[in-house]
Amino acid sequence: MSTATIQTVDTPDGAFTLLADDEGRVLASGWTDDADRVLGRLRAADRPATVRLVPVGQTTDAAAAVAAYYEGEIGAIDGIPVSQRGTTMQLSGWKALRRIAPSRPLTYSELAAELGSPNAVRAAASICARNAPALFVPCHRVLRTGGALGGFAWGLEVKQSLLARESGVGPGAAPNSLLRSANSQV
């Protein structure tokens, strides 16, 4: 890959930085203003040779979708293309994550079953952990059995906020089922 653009936008959950290729496909993204942290979500072999900032005053389609998402248009992120490289199982898992409906999270066990390997719960969790284009591939919609949040590369407060926003409870709040300890059993 040769050139990519990087843009940071403000959200209620903090700075959100996204990296997109020259075709506008999101390669990596997350809640940080640290470009190196976003680039670090990609394997070294998949990182672009050149990264340029989106010029001031310009907005990429992906950044506009993030703004629309936070303004209440939850489905705005669904039409944004992503580009991911991984194993066959990872690619299948990332596609499955994009099919999870907002306000209808799956458990890691249910994600494993969706992938045809119901006993591969740890693999399902690993697929979520290795997901580089966060928000656009909504790994935040996967929970532990019983409703505990589990993990999230960008912090459990962000995960809880996203799930609350998607459940219609509103930003900053969380439904009771999402307030369980992150240390609950899988």
C-alpha atoms as a PDB file:
ATOM      1  CA  MET A   1       0.000   0.000   0.000  1.00  0.00           C
ATOM      2  CA  SER A   2       1.408   3.381  -0.842  1.00  0.00           C
ATOM      3  CA  THR A   3      -0.531   6.371   0.496  1.00  0.00           C
ATOM      4  CA  ALA A   4      -3.189   6.855   3.135  1.00  0.00           C
ATOM      5  CA  THR A   5      -4.848   9.797   4.814  1.00  0.00           C
ATOM      6  CA  ILE A   6      -5.369  10.314   8.507  1.00  0.00           C
ATOM      7  CA  GLN A   7      -7.975  12.513  10.132  1.00  0.00           C
ATOM      8  CA  THR A   8      -8.954  13.176  13.731  1.00  0.00           C
ATOM      9  CA  VAL A   9     -12.442  14.327  14.704  1.00  0.00           C
ATOM     10  CA  ASP A  10     -13.877  15.269  18.066  1.00  0.00           C
ATOM     11  CA  THR A  11     -16.619  13.043  19.483  1.00  0.00           C
ATOM     12  CA  PRO A  12     -18.437  12.904  22.827  1.00  0.00           C
ATOM     13  CA  ASP A  13     -16.183   9.917  23.612  1.00  0.00           C
ATOM     14  CA  GLY A  14     -13.000  11.880  22.875  1.00  0.00           C
ATOM     15  CA  ALA A  15     -10.774  12.312  19.850  1.00  0.00           C
ATOM     16  CA  PHE A  16     -11.391   9.724  17.120  1.00  0.00           C
ATOM     17  CA  THR A  17      -8.675   9.146  14.526  1.00  0.00           C
ATOM     18  CA  LEU A  18      -9.165   7.240  11.303  1.00  0.00           C
ATOM     19  CA  LEU A  19      -6.742   6.059   8.657  1.00  0.00           C
ATOM     20  CA  ALA A  20      -8.086   5.489   5.138  1.00  0.00           C
ATOM     21  CA  ASP A  21      -6.474   4.304   1.928  1.00  0.00           C
ATOM     22  CA  ASP A  22      -6.571   6.260  -1.326  1.00  0.00           C
ATOM     23  CA  GLU A  23      -9.912   4.603  -2.176  1.00  0.00           C
ATOM     24  CA  GLY A  24     -11.509   5.850   1.047  1.00  0.00           C
ATOM     25  CA  ARG A  25     -11.529   2.443   2.771  1.00  0.00           C
ATOM     26  CA  VAL A  26     -10.887   2.663   6.500  1.00  0.00           C
ATOM     27  CA  LEU A  27      -7.799   0.687   7.482  1.00  0.00           C
ATOM     28  CA  ALA A  28      -7.719   1.523  11.186  1.00  0.00           C
ATOM     29  CA  SER A  29      -9.465   3.825  13.606  1.00  0.00           C
ATOM     30  CA  GLY A  30      -9.964   4.457  17.273  1.00  0.00           C
ATOM     31  CA  TRP A  31     -10.551   6.869  20.128  1.00  0.00           C
ATOM     32  CA  THR A  32      -7.224   8.658  20.310  1.00  0.00           C
ATOM     33  CA  ASP A  33      -5.483  11.650  18.784  1.00  0.00           C
ATOM     34  CA  ASP A  34      -2.265   9.628  18.553  1.00  0.00           C
ATOM     35  CA  ALA A  35      -1.738   8.712  14.889  1.00  0.00           C
ATOM     36  CA  ASP A  36       0.990   6.227  15.794  1.00  0.00           C
ATOM     37  CA  ARG A  37      -1.418   4.337  18.044  1.00  0.00           C
ATOM     38  CA  VAL A  38      -3.889   3.990  15.164  1.00  0.00           C
ATOM     39  CA  LEU A  39      -1.121   2.934  12.762  1.00  0.00           C
ATOM     40  CA  GLY A  40       0.021   0.423  15.376  1.00  0.00           C
ATOM     41  CA  ARG A  41      -3.291  -1.425  15.006  1.00  0.00           C
ATOM     42  CA  LEU A  42      -2.035  -2.624  11.601  1.00  0.00           C
ATOM     43  CA  ARG A  43       0.597  -5.279  11.008  1.00  0.00           C
ATOM     44  CA  ALA A  44       3.844  -3.654   9.872  1.00  0.00           C
ATOM     45  CA  ALA A  45       3.470  -5.203   6.408  1.00  0.00           C
ATOM     46  CA  ASP A  46       0.025  -3.607   6.029  1.00  0.00           C
ATOM     47  CA  ARG A  47       1.009  -0.068   6.986  1.00  0.00           C
ATOM     48  CA  PRO A  48       1.042   2.578   4.248  1.00  0.00           C
ATOM     49  CA  ALA A  49       4.395   3.929   3.116  1.00  0.00           C
ATOM     50  CA  THR A  50       3.108   7.506   3.249  1.00  0.00           C
ATOM     51  CA  VAL A  51       0.491   9.013   5.527  1.00  0.00           C
ATOM     52  CA  ARG A  52      -0.815  12.513   4.945  1.00  0.00           C
ATOM     53  CA  LEU A  53      -3.193  14.621   6.994  1.00  0.00           C
ATOM     54  CA  VAL A  54      -6.589  15.497   5.560  1.00  0.00           C
ATOM     55  CA  PRO A  55      -6.365  19.219   4.758  1.00  0.00           C
ATOM     56  CA  VAL A  56      -7.998  21.573   7.261  1.00  0.00           C
ATOM     57  CA  GLY A  57     -11.584  22.282   6.299  1.00  0.00           C
ATOM     58  CA  GLN A  58     -11.989  19.020   4.380  1.00  0.00           C
ATOM     59  CA  THR A  59     -13.854  15.997   5.667  1.00  0.00           C
ATOM     60  CA  THR A  60     -13.602  12.440   4.439  1.00  0.00           C
ATOM     61  CA  ASP A  61     -16.731  10.327   3.988  1.00  0.00           C
ATOM     62  CA  ALA A  62     -15.637   8.228   6.956  1.00  0.00           C
ATOM     63  CA  ALA A  63     -15.258  11.295   9.214  1.00  0.00           C
ATOM     64  CA  ALA A  64     -18.675  12.541   8.098  1.00  0.00           C
ATOM     65  CA  ALA A  65     -20.138   9.126   8.967  1.00  0.00           C
ATOM     66  CA  VAL A  66     -18.585   9.296  12.443  1.00  0.00           C
ATOM     67  CA  ALA A  67     -20.173  12.716  12.984  1.00  0.00           C
ATOM     68  CA  ALA A  68     -23.550  11.413  11.759  1.00  0.00           C
ATOM     69  CA  TYR A  69     -23.261   8.376  14.043  1.00  0.00           C
ATOM     70  CA  TYR A  70     -22.719  10.600  17.055  1.00  0.00           C
ATOM     71  CA  GLU A  71     -25.622  12.820  15.987  1.00  0.00           C
ATOM     72  CA  GLY A  72     -27.910   9.780  16.230  1.00  0.00           C
ATOM     73  CA  GLU A  73     -27.716   8.270  12.745  1.00  0.00           C
ATOM     74  CA  ILE A  74     -26.306   4.964  14.006  1.00  0.00           C
ATOM     75  CA  GLY A  75     -26.406   3.326  10.558  1.00  0.00           C
ATOM     76  CA  ALA A  76     -24.156   5.982   9.004  1.00  0.00           C
ATOM     77  CA  ILE A  77     -21.076   3.848   9.658  1.00  0.00           C
ATOM     78  CA  ASP A  78     -22.505   0.829   7.819  1.00  0.00           C
ATOM     79  CA  GLY A  79     -21.885   2.149   4.310  1.00  0.00           C
ATOM     80  CA  ILE A  80     -18.263   3.077   4.868  1.00  0.00           C
ATOM     81  CA  PRO A  81     -15.929   0.579   3.203  1.00  0.00           C
ATOM     82  CA  VAL A  82     -13.098  -0.967   5.170  1.00  0.00           C
ATOM     83  CA  SER A  83     -10.003  -2.890   4.153  1.00  0.00           C
ATOM     84  CA  GLN A  84      -8.704  -5.641   6.414  1.00  0.00           C
ATOM     85  CA  ARG A  85      -6.095  -8.338   5.951  1.00  0.00           C
ATOM     86  CA  GLY A  86      -5.998 -11.497   7.997  1.00  0.00           C
ATOM     87  CA  THR A  87      -6.679 -15.208   8.064  1.00  0.00           C
ATOM     88  CA  THR A  88      -9.788 -16.701   6.515  1.00  0.00           C
ATOM     89  CA  MET A  89     -11.367 -17.020   9.958  1.00  0.00           C
ATOM     90  CA  GLN A  90     -10.511 -13.423  10.873  1.00  0.00           C
ATOM     91  CA  LEU A  91     -11.984 -12.107   7.620  1.00  0.00           C
ATOM     92  CA  SER A  92     -15.160 -14.134   8.215  1.00  0.00           C
ATOM     93  CA  GLY A  93     -15.310 -12.834  11.768  1.00  0.00           C
ATOM     94  CA  TRP A  94     -14.916  -9.213  10.749  1.00  0.00           C
ATOM     95  CA  LYS A  95     -17.695  -9.618   8.177  1.00  0.00           C
ATOM     96  CA  ALA A  96     -19.890 -11.163  10.871  1.00  0.00           C
ATOM     97  CA  LEU A  97     -19.189  -8.208  13.172  1.00  0.00           C
ATOM     98  CA  ARG A  98     -20.510  -5.828  10.507  1.00  0.00           C
ATOM     99  CA  ARG A  99     -23.787  -7.789  10.479  1.00  0.00           C
ATOM    100  CA  ILE A 100     -24.468  -7.347  14.210  1.00  0.00           C
ATOM    101  CA  ALA A 101     -27.407  -4.984  14.538  1.00  0.00           C
ATOM    102  CA  PRO A 102     -27.108  -2.008  16.873  1.00  0.00           C
ATOM    103  CA  SER A 103     -28.842  -2.644  20.201  1.00  0.00           C
ATOM    104  CA  ARG A 104     -28.594  -6.408  19.630  1.00  0.00           C
ATOM    105  CA  PRO A 105     -25.106  -7.344  20.854  1.00  0.00           C
ATOM    106  CA  LEU A 106     -23.841 -10.901  20.612  1.00  0.00           C
ATOM    107  CA  THR A 107     -21.765 -12.792  23.119  1.00  0.00           C
ATOM    108  CA  TYR A 108     -18.344 -14.123  22.211  1.00  0.00           C
ATOM    109  CA  SER A 109     -19.943 -17.597  22.274  1.00  0.00           C
ATOM    110  CA  GLU A 110     -22.643 -16.511  19.828  1.00  0.00           C
ATOM    111  CA  LEU A 111     -20.027 -14.968  17.537  1.00  0.00           C
ATOM    112  CA  ALA A 112     -18.075 -18.244  17.591  1.00  0.00           C
ATOM    113  CA  ALA A 113     -21.251 -20.158  16.694  1.00  0.00           C
ATOM    114  CA  GLU A 114     -21.961 -17.675  13.893  1.00  0.00           C
ATOM    115  CA  LEU A 115     -18.521 -18.524  12.508  1.00  0.00           C
ATOM    116  CA  GLY A 116     -19.373 -22.236  12.555  1.00  0.00           C
ATOM    117  CA  SER A 117     -17.053 -23.017  15.460  1.00  0.00           C
ATOM    118  CA  PRO A 118     -19.141 -22.836  18.636  1.00  0.00           C
ATOM    119  CA  ASN A 119     -16.227 -23.951  20.832  1.00  0.00           C
ATOM    120  CA  ALA A 120     -13.865 -21.296  19.452  1.00  0.00           C
ATOM    121  CA  VAL A 121     -14.805 -18.602  21.964  1.00  0.00           C
ATOM    122  CA  ARG A 122     -11.212 -17.470  22.457  1.00  0.00           C
ATOM    123  CA  ALA A 123     -10.749 -17.205  18.684  1.00  0.00           C
ATOM    124  CA  ALA A 124     -13.884 -15.049  18.505  1.00  0.00           C
ATOM    125  CA  ALA A 125     -12.464 -12.796  21.220  1.00  0.00           C
ATOM    126  CA  SER A 126      -9.153 -12.622  19.342  1.00  0.00           C
ATOM    127  CA  ILE A 127     -10.966 -11.573  16.163  1.00  0.00           C
ATOM    128  CA  CYS A 128     -12.484  -8.671  18.100  1.00  0.00           C
ATOM    129  CA  ALA A 129      -9.133  -7.764  19.657  1.00  0.00           C
ATOM    130  CA  ARG A 130      -7.403  -7.668  16.268  1.00  0.00           C
ATOM    131  CA  ASN A 131     -10.085  -5.528  14.621  1.00  0.00           C
ATOM    132  CA  ALA A 132      -8.310  -2.388  13.373  1.00  0.00           C
ATOM    133  CA  PRO A 133     -11.191  -0.252  11.972  1.00  0.00           C
ATOM    134  CA  ALA A 134     -13.072   0.132  15.257  1.00  0.00           C
ATOM    135  CA  LEU A 135     -16.586   1.560  15.071  1.00  0.00           C
ATOM    136  CA  PHE A 136     -16.862   0.753  11.329  1.00  0.00           C
ATOM    137  CA  VAL A 137     -16.441  -2.944  12.172  1.00  0.00           C
ATOM    138  CA  PRO A 138     -18.382  -2.846  15.446  1.00  0.00           C
ATOM    139  CA  CYS A 139     -16.502  -5.236  17.705  1.00  0.00           C
ATOM    140  CA  HIS A 140     -17.888  -3.187  20.601  1.00  0.00           C
ATOM    141  CA  ARG A 141     -21.171  -5.069  20.006  1.00  0.00           C
ATOM    142  CA  VAL A 142     -19.726  -8.302  21.418  1.00  0.00           C
ATOM    143  CA  LEU A 143     -20.120  -9.015  25.140  1.00  0.00           C
ATOM    144  CA  ARG A 144     -19.275 -11.738  27.599  1.00  0.00           C
ATOM    145  CA  THR A 145     -21.945 -14.270  28.462  1.00  0.00           C
ATOM    146  CA  GLY A 146     -24.261 -12.679  31.009  1.00  0.00           C
ATOM    147  CA  GLY A 147     -23.814  -9.183  29.590  1.00  0.00           C
ATOM    148  CA  ALA A 148     -20.425  -8.169  31.029  1.00  0.00           C
ATOM    149  CA  LEU A 149     -18.555  -5.819  28.741  1.00  0.00           C
ATOM    150  CA  GLY A 150     -15.456  -7.962  28.258  1.00  0.00           C
ATOM    151  CA  GLY A 151     -12.553  -6.105  26.673  1.00  0.00           C
ATOM    152  CA  PHE A 152     -12.166  -3.232  24.220  1.00  0.00           C
ATOM    153  CA  ALA A 153      -8.936  -1.788  22.847  1.00  0.00           C
ATOM    154  CA  TRP A 154     -10.190   1.760  23.338  1.00  0.00           C
ATOM    155  CA  GLY A 155     -11.417   1.359  26.912  1.00  0.00           C
ATOM    156  CA  LEU A 156     -14.521   0.007  28.576  1.00  0.00           C
ATOM    157  CA  GLU A 157     -15.959   3.507  29.113  1.00  0.00           C
ATOM    158  CA  VAL A 158     -16.019   4.040  25.337  1.00  0.00           C
ATOM    159  CA  LYS A 159     -17.518   0.585  24.751  1.00  0.00           C
ATOM    160  CA  GLN A 160     -20.211   1.223  27.345  1.00  0.00           C
ATOM    161  CA  SER A 161     -20.980   4.638  25.832  1.00  0.00           C
ATOM    162  CA  LEU A 162     -21.294   3.197  22.314  1.00  0.00           C
ATOM    163  CA  LEU A 163     -23.611   0.413  23.463  1.00  0.00           C
ATOM    164  CA  ALA A 164     -25.741   2.875  25.420  1.00  0.00           C
ATOM    165  CA  ARG A 165     -25.963   5.189  22.399  1.00  0.00           C
ATOM    166  CA  GLU A 166     -26.998   2.279  20.187  1.00  0.00           C
ATOM    167  CA  SER A 167     -29.560   0.966  22.644  1.00  0.00           C
ATOM    168  CA  GLY A 168     -31.361   4.283  22.668  1.00  0.00           C
ATOM    169  CA  VAL A 169     -30.524   4.948  26.297  1.00  0.00           C
ATOM    170  CA  GLY A 170     -28.429   7.931  25.276  1.00  0.00           C
ATOM    171  CA  PRO A 171     -24.808   8.972  25.514  1.00  0.00           C
ATOM    172  CA  GLY A 172     -23.085   8.473  28.818  1.00  0.00           C
ATOM    173  CA  ALA A 173     -25.733   6.110  30.185  1.00  0.00           C
ATOM    174  CA  ALA A 174     -25.803   2.340  30.055  1.00  0.00           C
ATOM    175  CA  PRO A 175     -28.594  -0.170  30.296  1.00  0.00           C
ATOM    176  CA  ASN A 176     -28.515  -2.224  33.508  1.00  0.00           C
ATOM    177  CA  SER A 177     -27.400  -5.332  31.637  1.00  0.00           C
ATOM    178  CA  LEU A 178     -24.251  -3.495  30.542  1.00  0.00           C
ATOM    179  CA  LEU A 179     -23.283  -2.321  34.010  1.00  0.00           C
ATOM    180  CA  ARG A 180     -22.006  -5.715  35.156  1.00  0.00           C
ATOM    181  CA  SER A 181     -18.361  -5.928  36.026  1.00  0.00           C
ATOM    182  CA  ALA A 182     -15.926  -6.384  33.196  1.00  0.00           C
ATOM    183  CA  ASN A 183     -14.402  -9.155  35.299  1.00  0.00           C
ATOM    184  CA  SER A 184     -17.452 -11.430  35.159  1.00  0.00           C
ATOM    185  CA  GLN A 185     -17.033 -14.982  33.899  1.00  0.00           C
ATOM    186  CA  VAL A 186     -17.237 -15.686  30.143  1.00  0.00           C
END
